[in-house]
N, C-alpha and C. Protein backbone atom coordinates (compact mmCIF):
# COMPACT_ATOMS: atom_id res chain seq x y z
N UNK A 1 6.11 5.84 37.85
CA UNK A 1 7.11 6.42 37.01
C UNK A 1 8.35 5.54 37.03
N UNK A 2 8.51 4.78 35.97
CA UNK A 2 9.60 3.82 35.90
C UNK A 2 10.95 4.49 35.73
N UNK A 3 11.00 5.57 34.97
CA UNK A 3 12.28 6.24 34.78
C UNK A 3 12.11 7.75 34.91
N UNK A 4 13.15 8.39 35.42
CA UNK A 4 13.11 9.84 35.57
C UNK A 4 13.33 10.54 34.24
N UNK A 5 14.07 9.89 33.34
CA UNK A 5 14.36 10.49 32.04
C UNK A 5 13.26 10.10 31.05
N UNK A 6 12.40 11.05 30.75
CA UNK A 6 11.31 10.79 29.83
C UNK A 6 11.64 11.40 28.47
N UNK A 7 11.46 10.61 27.42
CA UNK A 7 11.77 11.09 26.08
C UNK A 7 10.74 12.12 25.63
N UNK A 8 11.22 13.15 24.95
CA UNK A 8 10.31 14.11 24.35
C UNK A 8 9.67 13.46 23.14
N UNK A 9 8.54 13.98 22.75
CA UNK A 9 7.85 13.48 21.57
C UNK A 9 7.94 14.53 20.47
N UNK A 10 8.03 14.05 19.24
CA UNK A 10 8.04 14.93 18.07
C UNK A 10 6.80 14.66 17.24
N UNK A 11 6.14 15.72 16.81
CA UNK A 11 5.00 15.60 15.90
C UNK A 11 5.54 15.88 14.50
N UNK A 12 5.46 14.87 13.63
CA UNK A 12 6.03 14.94 12.29
C UNK A 12 4.90 14.88 11.27
N UNK A 13 4.88 15.84 10.35
CA UNK A 13 3.86 15.90 9.31
C UNK A 13 4.54 15.92 7.95
N UNK A 14 4.04 15.10 7.03
CA UNK A 14 4.53 15.08 5.66
C UNK A 14 3.84 16.21 4.90
N UNK A 15 4.62 17.18 4.42
CA UNK A 15 4.02 18.35 3.76
C UNK A 15 4.18 18.31 2.24
N UNK A 16 5.00 17.41 1.73
CA UNK A 16 5.15 17.25 0.29
C UNK A 16 4.90 15.79 -0.06
N UNK A 17 4.36 15.56 -1.24
CA UNK A 17 4.09 14.20 -1.69
C UNK A 17 5.37 13.47 -2.05
N UNK A 18 5.26 12.15 -2.19
CA UNK A 18 6.42 11.31 -2.47
C UNK A 18 6.66 11.10 -3.96
N UNK A 19 5.77 11.58 -4.78
CA UNK A 19 5.89 11.37 -6.22
C UNK A 19 7.16 12.02 -6.75
N UNK A 20 7.96 11.24 -7.46
CA UNK A 20 9.17 11.75 -8.09
C UNK A 20 10.37 11.87 -7.16
N UNK A 21 10.25 11.39 -5.93
CA UNK A 21 11.35 11.47 -4.98
C UNK A 21 12.22 10.21 -5.08
N UNK A 22 13.45 10.32 -4.56
CA UNK A 22 14.37 9.18 -4.57
C UNK A 22 13.79 8.02 -3.75
N UNK A 23 14.15 6.80 -4.17
CA UNK A 23 13.64 5.62 -3.48
C UNK A 23 14.06 5.58 -2.01
N UNK A 24 15.30 5.98 -1.72
CA UNK A 24 15.72 5.93 -0.32
C UNK A 24 15.03 6.99 0.52
N UNK A 25 14.64 8.11 -0.08
CA UNK A 25 13.88 9.13 0.65
C UNK A 25 12.46 8.64 0.91
N UNK A 26 11.89 7.96 -0.06
CA UNK A 26 10.56 7.38 0.13
C UNK A 26 10.59 6.34 1.25
N UNK A 27 11.63 5.52 1.27
CA UNK A 27 11.76 4.50 2.31
C UNK A 27 11.93 5.13 3.69
N UNK A 28 12.65 6.23 3.76
CA UNK A 28 12.84 6.92 5.04
C UNK A 28 11.52 7.48 5.56
N UNK A 29 10.73 8.07 4.67
CA UNK A 29 9.42 8.60 5.06
C UNK A 29 8.52 7.47 5.55
N UNK A 30 8.54 6.36 4.86
CA UNK A 30 7.74 5.20 5.28
C UNK A 30 8.23 4.67 6.63
N UNK A 31 9.54 4.70 6.83
CA UNK A 31 10.12 4.26 8.09
C UNK A 31 9.68 5.12 9.26
N UNK A 32 9.42 6.37 9.01
CA UNK A 32 8.90 7.26 10.05
C UNK A 32 7.42 6.99 10.32
N UNK A 33 6.78 6.24 9.45
CA UNK A 33 5.37 5.90 9.63
C UNK A 33 4.41 6.79 8.89
N UNK A 34 4.92 7.65 8.00
CA UNK A 34 4.08 8.56 7.23
C UNK A 34 3.62 7.87 5.95
N UNK A 35 2.34 8.04 5.63
CA UNK A 35 1.78 7.31 4.50
C UNK A 35 1.32 8.19 3.34
N UNK A 36 0.85 9.39 3.63
CA UNK A 36 0.35 10.27 2.58
C UNK A 36 0.61 11.72 2.97
N UNK A 37 0.43 12.63 2.04
CA UNK A 37 0.63 14.05 2.31
C UNK A 37 -0.35 14.51 3.37
N UNK A 38 0.11 15.33 4.28
CA UNK A 38 -0.65 15.85 5.43
C UNK A 38 -0.87 14.82 6.53
N UNK A 39 -0.26 13.65 6.41
CA UNK A 39 -0.34 12.64 7.47
C UNK A 39 0.60 13.04 8.60
N UNK A 40 0.15 12.92 9.85
CA UNK A 40 0.94 13.29 11.02
C UNK A 40 1.10 12.11 11.95
N UNK A 41 2.31 11.93 12.46
CA UNK A 41 2.60 10.89 13.45
C UNK A 41 3.39 11.51 14.59
N UNK A 42 3.42 10.84 15.72
CA UNK A 42 4.25 11.26 16.85
C UNK A 42 5.27 10.17 17.11
N UNK A 43 6.52 10.58 17.26
CA UNK A 43 7.62 9.66 17.51
C UNK A 43 8.44 10.17 18.68
N UNK A 44 9.13 9.26 19.37
CA UNK A 44 10.06 9.65 20.43
C UNK A 44 11.23 10.40 19.81
N UNK A 45 11.76 11.34 20.55
CA UNK A 45 12.90 12.14 20.09
C UNK A 45 14.19 11.37 20.38
N UNK A 46 14.60 10.54 19.42
CA UNK A 46 15.82 9.75 19.55
C UNK A 46 16.79 10.15 18.44
N UNK A 47 18.07 9.82 18.60
CA UNK A 47 19.03 10.14 17.53
C UNK A 47 18.68 9.48 16.20
N UNK A 48 18.11 8.28 16.24
CA UNK A 48 17.74 7.59 15.01
C UNK A 48 16.64 8.34 14.27
N UNK A 49 15.64 8.77 15.01
CA UNK A 49 14.53 9.51 14.39
C UNK A 49 15.03 10.87 13.90
N UNK A 50 15.88 11.53 14.66
CA UNK A 50 16.44 12.82 14.24
C UNK A 50 17.22 12.67 12.93
N UNK A 51 17.96 11.57 12.78
CA UNK A 51 18.71 11.33 11.56
C UNK A 51 17.80 11.13 10.36
N UNK A 52 16.71 10.40 10.57
CA UNK A 52 15.74 10.19 9.50
C UNK A 52 15.08 11.52 9.11
N UNK A 53 14.78 12.34 10.10
CA UNK A 53 14.16 13.64 9.84
C UNK A 53 15.12 14.53 9.04
N UNK A 54 16.38 14.54 9.42
CA UNK A 54 17.33 15.41 8.72
C UNK A 54 17.54 14.98 7.28
N UNK A 55 17.39 13.69 7.00
CA UNK A 55 17.57 13.20 5.63
C UNK A 55 16.47 13.71 4.70
N UNK A 56 15.26 13.81 5.20
CA UNK A 56 14.13 14.22 4.35
C UNK A 56 13.45 15.48 4.91
N UNK A 57 14.22 16.36 5.52
CA UNK A 57 13.68 17.56 6.17
C UNK A 57 12.93 18.46 5.21
N UNK A 58 13.29 18.45 3.93
CA UNK A 58 12.64 19.31 2.95
C UNK A 58 11.19 18.90 2.68
N UNK A 59 10.79 17.71 3.15
CA UNK A 59 9.43 17.22 2.94
C UNK A 59 8.59 17.23 4.22
N UNK A 60 9.19 17.62 5.35
CA UNK A 60 8.52 17.46 6.64
C UNK A 60 8.32 18.77 7.37
N UNK A 61 7.35 18.76 8.27
CA UNK A 61 7.16 19.80 9.26
C UNK A 61 7.26 19.10 10.62
N UNK A 62 8.14 19.60 11.48
CA UNK A 62 8.38 18.95 12.77
C UNK A 62 8.13 19.94 13.89
N UNK A 63 7.39 19.50 14.90
CA UNK A 63 7.15 20.31 16.09
C UNK A 63 7.17 19.41 17.31
N UNK A 64 7.18 20.01 18.48
CA UNK A 64 7.17 19.22 19.71
C UNK A 64 5.77 18.68 19.94
N UNK A 65 5.69 17.40 20.25
CA UNK A 65 4.40 16.75 20.47
C UNK A 65 4.01 16.75 21.93
N UNK A 66 2.92 16.08 22.22
CA UNK A 66 2.45 16.01 23.61
C UNK A 66 3.25 14.97 24.37
N UNK A 67 3.29 15.11 25.67
CA UNK A 67 4.02 14.17 26.51
C UNK A 67 3.07 13.30 27.29
N UNK A 68 2.11 12.74 26.60
CA UNK A 68 1.13 11.89 27.26
C UNK A 68 1.78 10.65 27.83
N UNK A 69 1.26 10.19 28.96
CA UNK A 69 1.81 8.99 29.57
C UNK A 69 1.04 7.81 29.04
N UNK A 70 1.75 6.91 28.40
CA UNK A 70 1.03 5.78 27.85
C UNK A 70 1.93 4.89 27.20
C-alpha cells in the first residue's frame, strides 16, 4: 500500500446519445472516455472529472464504482 489516501472510483454511463449536442459537450463526453450510448467507464474521483461530469450531467448516470486494487 503505497499511499493511505485511496481515490474513490466513479462508474459513469452515457444515457443519452451525442447527436445534436454542442461540440464542447461532445468533446467533454469523449474526454471522459465514453464512446456510445450505454457505454460505461470507471474513473478516479478527482476535481477535474467532477467538473467534466457537472458540465454534461444531463447525459450521464454516475454511481460509485469498485475499489479494486490495480
